[in-house]
Amino acid sequence: MVVVLFHVRTRADIDQEEYQRTFERMMELVSAIPGFRGLEGFAGEDGSELAVARFDSDEAVRAWKEQPEHVRTQERGRTEFFETLEITVAEVTRQYAWSAAAGKTTFV
């Protein structure tokens, strides 16, 4: 599994409705990429945002990175939406999960 961390701080003057519409469109597109597992989003106390996207393979990440509408939207992000942007792509070597219901740690 490959995890992509997308850490951003949005500009103060962005059109929030357009930002939300653009995010929803990107979710629609990435969900159609074979190997996309899902995305979780988090808000920092400092106003930053972190998205954690999971993919089956580096090939799936590359397919998303090169998706034509996504490529155009990446440029919009830099020019319209983001003050800062940091992307980390990491290969998962081990993952654990714990559940109170199961009462034990499992390897995912």
C-alpha atoms as a PDB file:
ATOM      1  CA  MET A   1       0.000   0.000   0.000  1.00  0.00           C
ATOM      2  CA  VAL A   2       1.095   3.558  -0.729  1.00  0.00           C
ATOM      3  CA  VAL A   3       0.005   6.509   1.416  1.00  0.00           C
ATOM      4  CA  VAL A   4      -0.025  10.077   0.122  1.00  0.00           C
ATOM      5  CA  LEU A   5      -0.039  12.853   2.735  1.00  0.00           C
ATOM      6  CA  PHE A   6      -1.330  16.144   1.352  1.00  0.00           C
ATOM      7  CA  HIS A   7      -0.645  18.935   3.875  1.00  0.00           C
ATOM      8  CA  VAL A   8      -1.909  22.398   2.946  1.00  0.00           C
ATOM      9  CA  ARG A   9      -2.702  25.788   4.325  1.00  0.00           C
ATOM     10  CA  THR A  10      -5.331  27.616   2.299  1.00  0.00           C
ATOM     11  CA  ARG A  11      -5.158  31.292   1.427  1.00  0.00           C
ATOM     12  CA  ALA A  12      -7.282  33.613   3.532  1.00  0.00           C
ATOM     13  CA  ASP A  13      -9.071  35.043   0.482  1.00  0.00           C
ATOM     14  CA  ILE A  14     -10.195  31.863  -1.313  1.00  0.00           C
ATOM     15  CA  ASP A  15     -13.716  31.251  -2.498  1.00  0.00           C
ATOM     16  CA  GLN A  16     -14.714  28.521  -0.016  1.00  0.00           C
ATOM     17  CA  GLU A  17     -17.632  27.314  -2.128  1.00  0.00           C
ATOM     18  CA  GLU A  18     -15.400  26.902  -5.189  1.00  0.00           C
ATOM     19  CA  TYR A  19     -12.768  25.163  -3.065  1.00  0.00           C
ATOM     20  CA  GLN A  20     -15.414  22.707  -1.805  1.00  0.00           C
ATOM     21  CA  ARG A  21     -16.789  22.106  -5.331  1.00  0.00           C
ATOM     22  CA  THR A  22     -13.276  21.459  -6.603  1.00  0.00           C
ATOM     23  CA  PHE A  23     -12.563  19.037  -3.747  1.00  0.00           C
ATOM     24  CA  GLU A  24     -15.782  17.141  -4.442  1.00  0.00           C
ATOM     25  CA  ARG A  25     -14.904  16.875  -8.135  1.00  0.00           C
ATOM     26  CA  MET A  26     -11.424  15.583  -7.314  1.00  0.00           C
ATOM     27  CA  MET A  27     -12.955  12.969  -4.986  1.00  0.00           C
ATOM     28  CA  GLU A  28     -15.250  11.878  -7.803  1.00  0.00           C
ATOM     29  CA  LEU A  29     -12.294  11.509 -10.164  1.00  0.00           C
ATOM     30  CA  VAL A  30      -9.868   9.806  -7.768  1.00  0.00           C
ATOM     31  CA  SER A  31     -12.571   7.342  -6.727  1.00  0.00           C
ATOM     32  CA  ALA A  32     -12.602   6.099 -10.336  1.00  0.00           C
ATOM     33  CA  ILE A  33      -8.854   5.351 -10.299  1.00  0.00           C
ATOM     34  CA  PRO A  34      -8.252   1.589  -9.966  1.00  0.00           C
ATOM     35  CA  GLY A  35      -6.292   1.013  -6.783  1.00  0.00           C
ATOM     36  CA  PHE A  36      -7.606   4.044  -4.875  1.00  0.00           C
ATOM     37  CA  ARG A  37      -8.605   2.855  -1.390  1.00  0.00           C
ATOM     38  CA  GLY A  38      -9.885   6.018   0.230  1.00  0.00           C
ATOM     39  CA  LEU A  39      -9.156   9.376   1.792  1.00  0.00           C
ATOM     40  CA  GLU A  40      -9.402  10.812   5.286  1.00  0.00           C
ATOM     41  CA  GLY A  41      -9.121  14.506   6.101  1.00  0.00           C
ATOM     42  CA  PHE A  42      -7.998  16.301   9.247  1.00  0.00           C
ATOM     43  CA  ALA A  43      -7.906  19.940  10.335  1.00  0.00           C
ATOM     44  CA  GLY A  44      -5.000  21.284  12.369  1.00  0.00           C
ATOM     45  CA  GLU A  45      -5.331  23.755  15.221  1.00  0.00           C
ATOM     46  CA  ASP A  46      -3.180  26.117  13.152  1.00  0.00           C
ATOM     47  CA  GLY A  47      -5.685  26.151  10.274  1.00  0.00           C
ATOM     48  CA  SER A  48      -3.780  23.675   8.136  1.00  0.00           C
ATOM     49  CA  GLU A  49      -5.430  20.663   6.520  1.00  0.00           C
ATOM     50  CA  LEU A  50      -4.076  17.136   6.128  1.00  0.00           C
ATOM     51  CA  ALA A  51      -5.496  14.593   3.705  1.00  0.00           C
ATOM     52  CA  VAL A  52      -4.361  10.974   3.939  1.00  0.00           C
ATOM     53  CA  ALA A  53      -4.985   9.086   0.701  1.00  0.00           C
ATOM     54  CA  ARG A  54      -4.389   5.351   0.382  1.00  0.00           C
ATOM     55  CA  PHE A  55      -3.615   3.538  -2.861  1.00  0.00           C
ATOM     56  CA  ASP A  56      -2.812  -0.084  -3.682  1.00  0.00           C
ATOM     57  CA  SER A  57       0.347   0.756  -5.613  1.00  0.00           C
ATOM     58  CA  ASP A  58       2.693   3.429  -6.875  1.00  0.00           C
ATOM     59  CA  GLU A  59       1.157   2.873 -10.322  1.00  0.00           C
ATOM     60  CA  ALA A  60      -2.252   3.891  -8.942  1.00  0.00           C
ATOM     61  CA  VAL A  61      -0.719   7.024  -7.390  1.00  0.00           C
ATOM     62  CA  ARG A  62       0.932   7.849 -10.728  1.00  0.00           C
ATOM     63  CA  ALA A  63      -2.362   7.358 -12.585  1.00  0.00           C
ATOM     64  CA  TRP A  64      -3.983   9.870 -10.231  1.00  0.00           C
ATOM     65  CA  LYS A  65      -1.088  12.326 -10.433  1.00  0.00           C
ATOM     66  CA  GLU A  66      -1.283  12.253 -14.241  1.00  0.00           C
ATOM     67  CA  GLN A  67      -5.088  12.333 -14.591  1.00  0.00           C
ATOM     68  CA  PRO A  68      -5.645  15.306 -16.979  1.00  0.00           C
ATOM     69  CA  GLU A  69      -8.300  17.184 -14.978  1.00  0.00           C
ATOM     70  CA  HIS A  70      -6.319  16.614 -11.785  1.00  0.00           C
ATOM     71  CA  VAL A  71      -3.193  18.045 -13.470  1.00  0.00           C
ATOM     72  CA  ARG A  72      -5.106  21.250 -14.300  1.00  0.00           C
ATOM     73  CA  THR A  73      -6.517  21.400 -10.772  1.00  0.00           C
ATOM     74  CA  GLN A  74      -3.044  21.031  -9.260  1.00  0.00           C
ATOM     75  CA  GLU A  75      -2.100  24.299 -10.977  1.00  0.00           C
ATOM     76  CA  ARG A  76      -5.310  25.945  -9.723  1.00  0.00           C
ATOM     77  CA  GLY A  77      -4.382  24.858  -6.221  1.00  0.00           C
ATOM     78  CA  ARG A  78      -1.048  26.641  -6.477  1.00  0.00           C
ATOM     79  CA  THR A  79      -2.509  29.801  -8.010  1.00  0.00           C
ATOM     80  CA  GLU A  80      -5.940  30.061  -6.345  1.00  0.00           C
ATOM     81  CA  PHE A  81      -6.290  27.989  -3.186  1.00  0.00           C
ATOM     82  CA  PHE A  82      -3.066  27.249  -1.299  1.00  0.00           C
ATOM     83  CA  GLU A  83      -0.666  29.382   0.679  1.00  0.00           C
ATOM     84  CA  THR A  84       1.529  26.336   1.351  1.00  0.00           C
ATOM     85  CA  LEU A  85       1.519  22.782   0.058  1.00  0.00           C
ATOM     86  CA  GLU A  86       3.546  19.717   1.029  1.00  0.00           C
ATOM     87  CA  ILE A  87       3.059  16.229  -0.407  1.00  0.00           C
ATOM     88  CA  THR A  88       4.641  13.086   1.010  1.00  0.00           C
ATOM     89  CA  VAL A  89       4.374   9.730  -0.736  1.00  0.00           C
ATOM     90  CA  ALA A  90       5.282   6.714   1.403  1.00  0.00           C
ATOM     91  CA  GLU A  91       5.277   2.954   0.997  1.00  0.00           C
ATOM     92  CA  VAL A  92       3.592   1.222   3.941  1.00  0.00           C
ATOM     93  CA  THR A  93       5.736  -1.611   5.261  1.00  0.00           C
ATOM     94  CA  ARG A  94       3.581  -2.498   8.245  1.00  0.00           C
ATOM     95  CA  GLN A  95       0.175  -1.496   9.571  1.00  0.00           C
ATOM     96  CA  TYR A  96      -1.464  -2.385  12.868  1.00  0.00           C
ATOM     97  CA  ALA A  97      -5.007  -1.921  14.082  1.00  0.00           C
ATOM     98  CA  TRP A  98      -6.540  -2.283  17.516  1.00  0.00           C
ATOM     99  CA  SER A  99     -10.202  -2.624  18.340  1.00  0.00           C
ATOM    100  CA  ALA A 100     -11.883  -2.611  21.735  1.00  0.00           C
ATOM    101  CA  ALA A 101     -14.509  -4.997  20.358  1.00  0.00           C
ATOM    102  CA  ALA A 102     -11.861  -7.477  19.229  1.00  0.00           C
ATOM    103  CA  GLY A 103      -9.742  -6.836  22.304  1.00  0.00           C
ATOM    104  CA  LYS A 104      -6.525  -7.330  20.392  1.00  0.00           C
ATOM    105  CA  THR A 105      -4.100  -5.828  17.908  1.00  0.00           C
ATOM    106  CA  THR A 106      -4.238  -7.162  14.374  1.00  0.00           C
ATOM    107  CA  PHE A 107      -2.014  -6.722  11.352  1.00  0.00           C
ATOM    108  CA  VAL A 108      -3.861  -5.085   8.517  1.00  0.00           C
END
